[in-house]
Amino acid sequence: NIITDIPPLMISEDFHYLVLGNKKTVYDYVFVGIANNNSIL
């Protein structure tokens, strides 16, 4: 249930701008499933 082999998405974020100007720019952004499984099926 931990999916890593997914292509980049065309949507965008500004999350990483909190650190882009810093000496340390280590970050990770995770997508979390929120859809009811029955609605998916």
PDB file of all heavy atoms in Angstrom:
ATOM      1  N   ASN A   1       0.804  -1.222   0.000  1.00  0.00           N
ATOM      2  CA  ASN A   1       0.000   0.000   0.000  1.00  0.00           C
ATOM      3  C   ASN A   1       0.835   1.269   0.000  1.00  0.00           C
ATOM      4  O   ASN A   1       0.296   2.375   0.079  1.00  0.00           O
ATOM      5  CB  ASN A   1      -0.945   0.018   1.205  1.00  0.00           C
ATOM      6  CG  ASN A   1      -2.054  -1.006   1.074  1.00  0.00           C
ATOM      7  OD1 ASN A   1      -2.603  -1.191  -0.012  1.00  0.00           O
ATOM      8  ND2 ASN A   1      -2.375  -1.684   2.167  1.00  0.00           N
ATOM      9  N   ILE A   2       2.147   1.120  -0.080  1.00  0.00           N
ATOM     10  CA  ILE A   2       3.051   2.265  -0.186  1.00  0.00           C
ATOM     11  C   ILE A   2       3.553   2.312  -1.626  1.00  0.00           C
ATOM     12  O   ILE A   2       4.435   1.555  -2.025  1.00  0.00           O
ATOM     13  CB  ILE A   2       4.218   2.141   0.814  1.00  0.00           C
ATOM     14  CG1 ILE A   2       3.665   2.079   2.240  1.00  0.00           C
ATOM     15  CG2 ILE A   2       5.176   3.319   0.662  1.00  0.00           C
ATOM     16  CD1 ILE A   2       4.701   1.744   3.293  1.00  0.00           C
ATOM     17  N   ILE A   3       2.962   3.189  -2.420  1.00  0.00           N
ATOM     18  CA  ILE A   3       3.222   3.231  -3.859  1.00  0.00           C
ATOM     19  C   ILE A   3       4.369   4.199  -4.144  1.00  0.00           C
ATOM     20  O   ILE A   3       4.304   5.377  -3.778  1.00  0.00           O
ATOM     21  CB  ILE A   3       1.962   3.672  -4.637  1.00  0.00           C
ATOM     22  CG1 ILE A   3       0.715   2.935  -4.122  1.00  0.00           C
ATOM     23  CG2 ILE A   3       2.165   3.469  -6.127  1.00  0.00           C
ATOM     24  CD1 ILE A   3       0.776   1.446  -4.212  1.00  0.00           C
ATOM     25  N   THR A   4       5.413   3.694  -4.767  1.00  0.00           N
ATOM     26  CA  THR A   4       6.580   4.546  -5.058  1.00  0.00           C
ATOM     27  C   THR A   4       6.834   4.715  -6.555  1.00  0.00           C
ATOM     28  O   THR A   4       7.483   5.674  -6.967  1.00  0.00           O
ATOM     29  CB  THR A   4       7.844   3.952  -4.412  1.00  0.00           C
ATOM     30  OG1 THR A   4       8.070   2.636  -4.934  1.00  0.00           O
ATOM     31  CG2 THR A   4       7.695   3.860  -2.897  1.00  0.00           C
ATOM     32  N   ASP A   5       6.327   3.786  -7.370  1.00  0.00           N
ATOM     33  CA  ASP A   5       6.624   3.816  -8.810  1.00  0.00           C
ATOM     34  C   ASP A   5       5.510   4.532  -9.578  1.00  0.00           C
ATOM     35  O   ASP A   5       4.843   3.952 -10.425  1.00  0.00           O
ATOM     36  CB  ASP A   5       6.820   2.403  -9.347  1.00  0.00           C
ATOM     37  CG  ASP A   5       5.617   1.504  -9.086  1.00  0.00           C
ATOM     38  OD1 ASP A   5       4.789   1.837  -8.224  1.00  0.00           O
ATOM     39  OD2 ASP A   5       5.499   0.466  -9.765  1.00  0.00           O
ATOM     40  N   ILE A   6       5.324   5.791  -9.259  1.00  0.00           N
ATOM     41  CA  ILE A   6       4.290   6.584  -9.923  1.00  0.00           C
ATOM     42  C   ILE A   6       4.955   7.748 -10.663  1.00  0.00           C
ATOM     43  O   ILE A   6       5.939   8.324 -10.188  1.00  0.00           O
ATOM     44  CB  ILE A   6       3.263   7.144  -8.910  1.00  0.00           C
ATOM     45  CG1 ILE A   6       3.979   7.827  -7.742  1.00  0.00           C
ATOM     46  CG2 ILE A   6       2.341   6.052  -8.411  1.00  0.00           C
ATOM     47  CD1 ILE A   6       3.058   8.548  -6.793  1.00  0.00           C
ATOM     48  N   PRO A   7       4.437   8.093 -11.843  1.00  0.00           N
ATOM     49  CA  PRO A   7       5.020   9.222 -12.582  1.00  0.00           C
ATOM     50  C   PRO A   7       4.717  10.539 -11.882  1.00  0.00           C
ATOM     51  O   PRO A   7       3.767  10.624 -11.088  1.00  0.00           O
ATOM     52  CB  PRO A   7       4.321   9.148 -13.938  1.00  0.00           C
ATOM     53  CG  PRO A   7       3.018   8.465 -13.657  1.00  0.00           C
ATOM     54  CD  PRO A   7       3.305   7.483 -12.557  1.00  0.00           C
ATOM     55  N   PRO A   8       5.494  11.572 -12.150  1.00  0.00           N
ATOM     56  CA  PRO A   8       5.206  12.897 -11.571  1.00  0.00           C
ATOM     57  C   PRO A   8       3.824  13.390 -12.005  1.00  0.00           C
ATOM     58  O   PRO A   8       3.335  13.050 -13.090  1.00  0.00           O
ATOM     59  CB  PRO A   8       6.315  13.782 -12.148  1.00  0.00           C
ATOM     60  CG  PRO A   8       7.387  12.849 -12.565  1.00  0.00           C
ATOM     61  CD  PRO A   8       6.701  11.584 -12.983  1.00  0.00           C
ATOM     62  N   LEU A   9       3.210  14.171 -11.147  1.00  0.00           N
ATOM     63  CA  LEU A   9       1.892  14.740 -11.427  1.00  0.00           C
ATOM     64  C   LEU A   9       2.051  16.157 -11.965  1.00  0.00           C
ATOM     65  O   LEU A   9       2.999  16.868 -11.629  1.00  0.00           O
ATOM     66  CB  LEU A   9       1.043  14.763 -10.158  1.00  0.00           C
ATOM     67  CG  LEU A   9       0.795  13.401  -9.496  1.00  0.00           C
ATOM     68  CD1 LEU A   9       0.093  13.589  -8.159  1.00  0.00           C
ATOM     69  CD2 LEU A   9      -0.013  12.494 -10.401  1.00  0.00           C
ATOM     70  N   MET A  10       1.091  16.576 -12.787  1.00  0.00           N
ATOM     71  CA  MET A  10       1.140  17.924 -13.351  1.00  0.00           C
ATOM     72  C   MET A  10       0.583  18.982 -12.402  1.00  0.00           C
ATOM     73  O   MET A  10       0.647  20.175 -12.696  1.00  0.00           O
ATOM     74  CB  MET A  10       0.385  17.975 -14.680  1.00  0.00           C
ATOM     75  CG  MET A  10       1.034  17.155 -15.788  1.00  0.00           C
ATOM     76  SD  MET A  10       2.792  17.503 -16.042  1.00  0.00           S
ATOM     77  CE  MET A  10       2.753  19.206 -16.585  1.00  0.00           C
ATOM     78  N   ILE A  11       0.026  18.559 -11.271  1.00  0.00           N
ATOM     79  CA  ILE A  11      -0.395  19.530 -10.270  1.00  0.00           C
ATOM     80  C   ILE A  11       0.842  20.117  -9.598  1.00  0.00           C
ATOM     81  O   ILE A  11       1.949  19.579  -9.737  1.00  0.00           O
ATOM     82  CB  ILE A  11      -1.336  18.898  -9.236  1.00  0.00           C
ATOM     83  CG1 ILE A  11      -0.668  17.687  -8.556  1.00  0.00           C
ATOM     84  CG2 ILE A  11      -2.656  18.503  -9.887  1.00  0.00           C
ATOM     85  CD1 ILE A  11      -1.511  17.047  -7.491  1.00  0.00           C
ATOM     86  N   SER A  12       0.669  21.207  -8.866  1.00  0.00           N
ATOM     87  CA  SER A  12       1.825  21.925  -8.308  1.00  0.00           C
ATOM     88  C   SER A  12       1.604  22.276  -6.848  1.00  0.00           C
ATOM     89  O   SER A  12       0.479  22.231  -6.345  1.00  0.00           O
ATOM     90  CB  SER A  12       2.105  23.196  -9.122  1.00  0.00           C
ATOM     91  OG  SER A  12       2.344  22.886 -10.470  1.00  0.00           O
ATOM     92  N   GLU A  13       2.671  22.626  -6.188  1.00  0.00           N
ATOM     93  CA  GLU A  13       2.688  22.953  -4.767  1.00  0.00           C
ATOM     94  C   GLU A  13       3.682  24.069  -4.498  1.00  0.00           C
ATOM     95  O   GLU A  13       4.619  24.263  -5.272  1.00  0.00           O
ATOM     96  CB  GLU A  13       3.117  21.723  -3.949  1.00  0.00           C
ATOM     97  CG  GLU A  13       1.997  21.013  -3.225  1.00  0.00           C
ATOM     98  CD  GLU A  13       1.461  21.786  -2.039  1.00  0.00           C
ATOM     99  OE1 GLU A  13       2.110  22.760  -1.593  1.00  0.00           O
ATOM    100  OE2 GLU A  13       0.372  21.425  -1.554  1.00  0.00           O
ATOM    101  N   ASP A  14       3.463  24.770  -3.372  1.00  0.00           N
ATOM    102  CA  ASP A  14       4.478  25.737  -2.933  1.00  0.00           C
ATOM    103  C   ASP A  14       5.096  25.315  -1.602  1.00  0.00           C
ATOM    104  O   ASP A  14       5.900  26.047  -1.021  1.00  0.00           O
ATOM    105  CB  ASP A  14       3.894  27.142  -2.838  1.00  0.00           C
ATOM    106  CG  ASP A  14       2.883  27.299  -1.705  1.00  0.00           C
ATOM    107  OD1 ASP A  14       2.399  26.273  -1.176  1.00  0.00           O
ATOM    108  OD2 ASP A  14       2.558  28.449  -1.354  1.00  0.00           O
ATOM    109  N   PHE A  15       4.757  24.125  -1.118  1.00  0.00           N
ATOM    110  CA  PHE A  15       5.248  23.551   0.140  1.00  0.00           C
ATOM    111  C   PHE A  15       6.750  23.720   0.308  1.00  0.00           C
ATOM    112  O   PHE A  15       7.259  24.167   1.337  1.00  0.00           O
ATOM    113  CB  PHE A  15       4.819  22.076   0.145  1.00  0.00           C
ATOM    114  CG  PHE A  15       5.675  21.123   0.914  1.00  0.00           C
ATOM    115  CD1 PHE A  15       5.476  20.928   2.259  1.00  0.00           C
ATOM    116  CD2 PHE A  15       6.650  20.357   0.267  1.00  0.00           C
ATOM    117  CE1 PHE A  15       6.240  20.002   2.973  1.00  0.00           C
ATOM    118  CE2 PHE A  15       7.417  19.439   0.958  1.00  0.00           C
ATOM    119  CZ  PHE A  15       7.213  19.270   2.316  1.00  0.00           C
ATOM    120  N   HIS A  16       7.517  23.362  -0.743  1.00  0.00           N
ATOM    121  CA  HIS A  16       8.973  23.343  -0.654  1.00  0.00           C
ATOM    122  C   HIS A  16       9.592  24.735  -0.579  1.00  0.00           C
ATOM    123  O   HIS A  16      10.772  24.873  -0.251  1.00  0.00           O
ATOM    124  CB  HIS A  16       9.571  22.568  -1.823  1.00  0.00           C
ATOM    125  CG  HIS A  16       9.023  22.928  -3.159  1.00  0.00           C
ATOM    126  ND1 HIS A  16       7.682  23.109  -3.414  1.00  0.00           N
ATOM    127  CD2 HIS A  16       9.635  23.137  -4.371  1.00  0.00           C
ATOM    128  CE1 HIS A  16       7.499  23.411  -4.680  1.00  0.00           C
ATOM    129  NE2 HIS A  16       8.655  23.446  -5.276  1.00  0.00           N
ATOM    130  N   TYR A  17       8.805  25.770  -0.873  1.00  0.00           N
ATOM    131  CA  TYR A  17       9.328  27.128  -0.777  1.00  0.00           C
ATOM    132  C   TYR A  17       9.590  27.546   0.668  1.00  0.00           C
ATOM    133  O   TYR A  17      10.243  28.564   0.919  1.00  0.00           O
ATOM    134  CB  TYR A  17       8.389  28.118  -1.465  1.00  0.00           C
ATOM    135  CG  TYR A  17       8.676  28.221  -2.951  1.00  0.00           C
ATOM    136  CD1 TYR A  17       8.216  27.262  -3.831  1.00  0.00           C
ATOM    137  CD2 TYR A  17       9.462  29.246  -3.467  1.00  0.00           C
ATOM    138  CE1 TYR A  17       8.502  27.316  -5.190  1.00  0.00           C
ATOM    139  CE2 TYR A  17       9.756  29.320  -4.823  1.00  0.00           C
ATOM    140  CZ  TYR A  17       9.278  28.349  -5.676  1.00  0.00           C
ATOM    141  OH  TYR A  17       9.575  28.407  -7.010  1.00  0.00           O
ATOM    142  N   LEU A  18       9.127  26.765   1.629  1.00  0.00           N
ATOM    143  CA  LEU A  18       9.457  27.036   3.023  1.00  0.00           C
ATOM    144  C   LEU A  18      10.936  26.824   3.308  1.00  0.00           C
ATOM    145  O   LEU A  18      11.469  27.352   4.285  1.00  0.00           O
ATOM    146  CB  LEU A  18       8.619  26.147   3.950  1.00  0.00           C
ATOM    147  CG  LEU A  18       7.125  26.477   4.035  1.00  0.00           C
ATOM    148  CD1 LEU A  18       6.388  25.418   4.832  1.00  0.00           C
ATOM    149  CD2 LEU A  18       6.902  27.860   4.647  1.00  0.00           C
ATOM    150  N   VAL A  19      11.626  26.040   2.445  1.00  0.00           N
ATOM    151  CA  VAL A  19      13.040  25.744   2.696  1.00  0.00           C
ATOM    152  C   VAL A  19      13.958  26.003   1.502  1.00  0.00           C
ATOM    153  O   VAL A  19      15.176  25.869   1.633  1.00  0.00           O
ATOM    154  CB  VAL A  19      13.227  24.271   3.152  1.00  0.00           C
ATOM    155  CG1 VAL A  19      12.525  24.027   4.476  1.00  0.00           C
ATOM    156  CG2 VAL A  19      12.732  23.294   2.086  1.00  0.00           C
ATOM    157  N   LEU A  20      13.423  26.369   0.348  1.00  0.00           N
ATOM    158  CA  LEU A  20      14.261  26.460  -0.846  1.00  0.00           C
ATOM    159  C   LEU A  20      15.412  27.450  -0.715  1.00  0.00           C
ATOM    160  O   LEU A  20      16.447  27.276  -1.326  1.00  0.00           O
ATOM    161  CB  LEU A  20      13.410  26.809  -2.075  1.00  0.00           C
ATOM    162  CG  LEU A  20      12.646  25.647  -2.715  1.00  0.00           C
ATOM    163  CD1 LEU A  20      12.026  26.085  -4.027  1.00  0.00           C
ATOM    164  CD2 LEU A  20      13.543  24.441  -2.958  1.00  0.00           C
ATOM    165  N   GLY A  21      15.263  28.479   0.064  1.00  0.00           N
ATOM    166  CA  GLY A  21      16.345  29.447   0.209  1.00  0.00           C
ATOM    167  C   GLY A  21      17.315  29.112   1.320  1.00  0.00           C
ATOM    168  O   GLY A  21      18.282  29.852   1.557  1.00  0.00           O
ATOM    169  N   ASN A  22      17.108  27.997   2.017  1.00  0.00           N
ATOM    170  CA  ASN A  22      17.937  27.635   3.162  1.00  0.00           C
ATOM    171  C   ASN A  22      19.126  26.772   2.755  1.00  0.00           C
ATOM    172  O   ASN A  22      19.161  26.226   1.651  1.00  0.00           O
ATOM    173  CB  ASN A  22      17.096  26.871   4.197  1.00  0.00           C
ATOM    174  CG  ASN A  22      15.923  27.673   4.705  1.00  0.00           C
ATOM    175  OD1 ASN A  22      15.885  28.893   4.552  1.00  0.00           O
ATOM    176  ND2 ASN A  22      14.960  27.000   5.303  1.00  0.00           N
ATOM    177  N   LYS A  23      20.082  26.631   3.671  1.00  0.00           N
ATOM    178  CA  LYS A  23      21.224  25.757   3.415  1.00  0.00           C
ATOM    179  C   LYS A  23      20.776  24.303   3.332  1.00  0.00           C
ATOM    180  O   LYS A  23      21.331  23.512   2.578  1.00  0.00           O
ATOM    181  CB  LYS A  23      22.277  25.926   4.519  1.00  0.00           C
ATOM    182  CG  LYS A  23      22.972  27.280   4.493  1.00  0.00           C
ATOM    183  CD  LYS A  23      24.020  27.374   5.590  1.00  0.00           C
ATOM    184  CE  LYS A  23      24.727  28.723   5.558  1.00  0.00           C
ATOM    185  NZ  LYS A  23      25.724  28.845   6.645  1.00  0.00           N
ATOM    186  N   LYS A  24      19.767  23.964   4.144  1.00  0.00           N
ATOM    187  CA  LYS A  24      19.218  22.605   4.127  1.00  0.00           C
ATOM    188  C   LYS A  24      17.866  22.644   3.425  1.00  0.00           C
ATOM    189  O   LYS A  24      16.978  23.390   3.820  1.00  0.00           O
ATOM    190  CB  LYS A  24      19.067  22.071   5.549  1.00  0.00           C
ATOM    191  CG  LYS A  24      20.390  21.933   6.288  1.00  0.00           C
ATOM    192  CD  LYS A  24      20.181  21.451   7.712  1.00  0.00           C
ATOM    193  CE  LYS A  24      21.497  21.340   8.456  1.00  0.00           C
ATOM    194  NZ  LYS A  24      21.309  20.927   9.865  1.00  0.00           N
ATOM    195  N   THR A  25      17.725  21.835   2.391  1.00  0.00           N
ATOM    196  CA  THR A  25      16.468  21.822   1.636  1.00  0.00           C
ATOM    197  C   THR A  25      15.948  20.392   1.503  1.00  0.00           C
ATOM    198  O   THR A  25      15.471  19.988   0.450  1.00  0.00           O
ATOM    199  CB  THR A  25      16.657  22.440   0.244  1.00  0.00           C
ATOM    200  OG1 THR A  25      17.676  21.705  -0.452  1.00  0.00           O
ATOM    201  CG2 THR A  25      17.064  23.896   0.335  1.00  0.00           C
ATOM    202  N   VAL A  26      16.063  19.638   2.572  1.00  0.00           N
ATOM    203  CA  VAL A  26      15.649  18.233   2.552  1.00  0.00           C
ATOM    204  C   VAL A  26      14.163  18.153   2.870  1.00  0.00           C
ATOM    205  O   VAL A  26      13.721  18.564   3.939  1.00  0.00           O
ATOM    206  CB  VAL A  26      16.462  17.404   3.568  1.00  0.00           C
ATOM    207  CG1 VAL A  26      16.005  15.950   3.561  1.00  0.00           C
ATOM    208  CG2 VAL A  26      17.953  17.503   3.262  1.00  0.00           C
ATOM    209  N   TYR A  27      13.387  17.590   1.921  1.00  0.00           N
ATOM    210  CA  TYR A  27      11.946  17.522   2.159  1.00  0.00           C
ATOM    211  C   TYR A  27      11.335  16.296   1.499  1.00  0.00           C
ATOM    212  O   TYR A  27      11.909  15.698   0.580  1.00  0.00           O
ATOM    213  CB  TYR A  27      11.246  18.795   1.682  1.00  0.00           C
ATOM    214  CG  TYR A  27      11.384  19.105   0.203  1.00  0.00           C
ATOM    215  CD1 TYR A  27      10.565  18.487  -0.743  1.00  0.00           C
ATOM    216  CD2 TYR A  27      12.323  20.025  -0.255  1.00  0.00           C
ATOM    217  CE1 TYR A  27      10.674  18.776  -2.094  1.00  0.00           C
ATOM    218  CE2 TYR A  27      12.443  20.326  -1.607  1.00  0.00           C
ATOM    219  CZ  TYR A  27      11.611  19.703  -2.519  1.00  0.00           C
ATOM    220  OH  TYR A  27      11.719  19.992  -3.861  1.00  0.00           O
ATOM    221  N   ASP A  28      10.148  15.941   1.983  1.00  0.00           N
ATOM    222  CA  ASP A  28       9.381  14.833   1.418  1.00  0.00           C
ATOM    223  C   ASP A  28       7.904  15.171   1.511  1.00  0.00           C
ATOM    224  O   ASP A  28       7.428  15.640   2.550  1.00  0.00           O
ATOM    225  CB  ASP A  28       9.672  13.534   2.180  1.00  0.00           C
ATOM    226  CG  ASP A  28       8.988  12.338   1.540  1.00  0.00           C
ATOM    227  OD1 ASP A  28       9.042  12.215   0.306  1.00  0.00           O
ATOM    228  OD2 ASP A  28       8.398  11.520   2.283  1.00  0.00           O
ATOM    229  N   TYR A  29       7.191  14.938   0.403  1.00  0.00           N
ATOM    230  CA  TYR A  29       5.767  15.269   0.333  1.00  0.00           C
ATOM    231  C   TYR A  29       5.001  14.023  -0.087  1.00  0.00           C
ATOM    232  O   TYR A  29       5.278  13.439  -1.135  1.00  0.00           O
ATOM    233  CB  TYR A  29       5.554  16.401  -0.666  1.00  0.00           C
ATOM    234  CG  TYR A  29       4.253  17.141  -0.497  1.00  0.00           C
ATOM    235  CD1 TYR A  29       3.994  17.876   0.647  1.00  0.00           C
ATOM    236  CD2 TYR A  29       3.287  17.115  -1.491  1.00  0.00           C
ATOM    237  CE1 TYR A  29       2.816  18.576   0.809  1.00  0.00           C
ATOM    238  CE2 TYR A  29       2.101  17.818  -1.346  1.00  0.00           C
ATOM    239  CZ  TYR A  29       1.867  18.541  -0.194  1.00  0.00           C
ATOM    240  OH  TYR A  29       0.696  19.238  -0.038  1.00  0.00           O
ATOM    241  N   VAL A  30       4.057  13.614   0.744  1.00  0.00           N
ATOM    242  CA  VAL A  30       3.375  12.331   0.593  1.00  0.00           C
ATOM    243  C   VAL A  30       1.905  12.547   0.235  1.00  0.00           C
ATOM    244  O   VAL A  30       1.234  13.405   0.819  1.00  0.00           O
ATOM    245  CB  VAL A  30       3.472  11.513   1.901  1.00  0.00           C
ATOM    246  CG1 VAL A  30       2.696  10.209   1.790  1.00  0.00           C
ATOM    247  CG2 VAL A  30       4.929  11.238   2.249  1.00  0.00           C
ATOM    248  N   PHE A  31       1.398  11.756  -0.696  1.00  0.00           N
ATOM    249  CA  PHE A  31      -0.032  11.756  -1.011  1.00  0.00           C
ATOM    250  C   PHE A  31      -0.713  10.635  -0.234  1.00  0.00           C
ATOM    251  O   PHE A  31      -0.255   9.492  -0.250  1.00  0.00           O
ATOM    252  CB  PHE A  31      -0.258  11.565  -2.506  1.00  0.00           C
ATOM    253  CG  PHE A  31       0.094  12.779  -3.316  1.00  0.00           C
ATOM    254  CD1 PHE A  31       1.302  12.850  -4.000  1.00  0.00           C
ATOM    255  CD2 PHE A  31      -0.769  13.868  -3.383  1.00  0.00           C
ATOM    256  CE1 PHE A  31       1.636  13.975  -4.735  1.00  0.00           C
ATOM    257  CE2 PHE A  31      -0.437  14.993  -4.112  1.00  0.00           C
ATOM    258  CZ  PHE A  31       0.765  15.046  -4.787  1.00  0.00           C
ATOM    259  N   VAL A  32      -1.810  10.990   0.426  1.00  0.00           N
ATOM    260  CA  VAL A  32      -2.519  10.057   1.305  1.00  0.00           C
ATOM    261  C   VAL A  32      -3.914   9.789   0.745  1.00  0.00           C
ATOM    262  O   VAL A  32      -4.673  10.728   0.469  1.00  0.00           O
ATOM    263  CB  VAL A  32      -2.625  10.641   2.735  1.00  0.00           C
ATOM    264  CG1 VAL A  32      -3.419   9.703   3.640  1.00  0.00           C
ATOM    265  CG2 VAL A  32      -1.233  10.894   3.312  1.00  0.00           C
ATOM    266  N   GLY A  33      -4.255   8.514   0.598  1.00  0.00           N
ATOM    267  CA  GLY A  33      -5.562   8.145   0.074  1.00  0.00           C
ATOM    268  C   GLY A  33      -6.688   8.522   1.022  1.00  0.00           C
ATOM    269  O   GLY A  33      -6.598   8.276   2.234  1.00  0.00           O
ATOM    270  N   ILE A  34      -7.755   9.098   0.474  1.00  0.00           N
ATOM    271  CA  ILE A  34      -8.878   9.545   1.305  1.00  0.00           C
ATOM    272  C   ILE A  34     -10.229   9.103   0.744  1.00  0.00           C
ATOM    273  O   ILE A  34     -11.276   9.499   1.262  1.00  0.00           O
ATOM    274  CB  ILE A  34      -8.869  11.085   1.473  1.00  0.00           C
ATOM    275  CG1 ILE A  34      -8.757  11.824   0.118  1.00  0.00           C
ATOM    276  CG2 ILE A  34      -7.730  11.516   2.390  1.00  0.00           C
ATOM    277  CD1 ILE A  34      -9.986  11.939  -0.691  1.00  0.00           C
ATOM    278  N   ALA A  35     -10.230   8.278  -0.299  1.00  0.00           N
ATOM    279  CA  ALA A  35     -11.484   7.878  -0.928  1.00  0.00           C
ATOM    280  C   ALA A  35     -12.001   6.573  -0.337  1.00  0.00           C
ATOM    281  O   ALA A  35     -11.226   5.636  -0.096  1.00  0.00           O
ATOM    282  CB  ALA A  35     -11.303   7.733  -2.434  1.00  0.00           C
ATOM    283  N   ASN A  36     -13.299   6.517  -0.108  1.00  0.00           N
ATOM    284  CA  ASN A  36     -13.940   5.300   0.353  1.00  0.00           C
ATOM    285  C   ASN A  36     -13.707   4.178  -0.650  1.00  0.00           C
ATOM    286  O   ASN A  36     -13.857   4.377  -1.858  1.00  0.00           O
ATOM    287  CB  ASN A  36     -15.438   5.566   0.529  1.00  0.00           C
ATOM    288  CG  ASN A  36     -16.189   4.341   0.983  1.00  0.00           C
ATOM    289  OD1 ASN A  36     -16.515   3.480   0.185  1.00  0.00           O
ATOM    290  ND2 ASN A  36     -16.469   4.284   2.273  1.00  0.00           N
ATOM    291  N   ASN A  37     -13.334   3.002  -0.156  1.00  0.00           N
ATOM    292  CA  ASN A  37     -12.976   1.916  -1.061  1.00  0.00           C
ATOM    293  C   ASN A  37     -14.144   1.503  -1.959  1.00  0.00           C
ATOM    294  O   ASN A  37     -13.957   1.154  -3.132  1.00  0.00           O
ATOM    295  CB  ASN A  37     -12.473   0.707  -0.269  1.00  0.00           C
ATOM    296  CG  ASN A  37     -11.773  -0.310  -1.154  1.00  0.00           C
ATOM    297  OD1 ASN A  37     -10.837   0.026  -1.863  1.00  0.00           O
ATOM    298  ND2 ASN A  37     -12.235  -1.550  -1.125  1.00  0.00           N
ATOM    299  N   ASN A  38     -15.367   1.540  -1.435  1.00  0.00           N
ATOM    300  CA  ASN A  38     -16.532   1.184  -2.252  1.00  0.00           C
ATOM    301  C   ASN A  38     -16.719   2.162  -3.406  1.00  0.00           C
ATOM    302  O   ASN A  38     -17.092   1.765  -4.514  1.00  0.00           O
ATOM    303  CB  ASN A  38     -17.788   1.128  -1.386  1.00  0.00           C
ATOM    304  CG  ASN A  38     -17.795  -0.071  -0.458  1.00  0.00           C
ATOM    305  OD1 ASN A  38     -17.195  -1.103  -0.755  1.00  0.00           O
ATOM    306  ND2 ASN A  38     -18.476   0.054   0.668  1.00  0.00           N
ATOM    307  N   SER A  39     -16.464   3.440  -3.134  1.00  0.00           N
ATOM    308  CA  SER A  39     -16.599   4.436  -4.201  1.00  0.00           C
ATOM    309  C   SER A  39     -15.519   4.241  -5.260  1.00  0.00           C
ATOM    310  O   SER A  39     -15.750   4.475  -6.451  1.00  0.00           O
ATOM    311  CB  SER A  39     -16.542   5.860  -3.632  1.00  0.00           C
ATOM    312  OG  SER A  39     -15.250   6.162  -3.126  1.00  0.00           O
ATOM    313  N   ILE A  40     -14.339   3.785  -4.833  1.00  0.00           N
ATOM    314  CA  ILE A  40     -13.266   3.465  -5.783  1.00  0.00           C
ATOM    315  C   ILE A  40     -13.701   2.314  -6.696  1.00  0.00           C
ATOM    316  O   ILE A  40     -13.566   2.372  -7.925  1.00  0.00           O
ATOM    317  CB  ILE A  40     -11.969   3.067  -5.045  1.00  0.00           C
ATOM    318  CG1 ILE A  40     -11.374   4.275  -4.298  1.00  0.00           C
ATOM    319  CG2 ILE A  40     -10.954   2.476  -6.014  1.00  0.00           C
ATOM    320  CD1 ILE A  40     -10.582   5.222  -5.122  1.00  0.00           C
ATOM    321  N   LEU A  41     -14.261   1.243  -6.097  1.00  0.00           N
ATOM    322  CA  LEU A  41     -14.695   0.075  -6.867  1.00  0.00           C
ATOM    323  C   LEU A  41     -15.805   0.445  -7.848  1.00  0.00           C
ATOM    324  O   LEU A  41     -15.799   0.009  -9.003  1.00  0.00           O
ATOM    325  CB  LEU A  41     -15.167  -1.026  -5.913  1.00  0.00           C
ATOM    326  CG  LEU A  41     -14.093  -1.658  -5.015  1.00  0.00           C
ATOM    327  CD1 LEU A  41     -14.717  -2.631  -4.024  1.00  0.00           C
ATOM    328  CD2 LEU A  41     -13.022  -2.345  -5.848  1.00  0.00           C
TER     329      LEU A  41
END
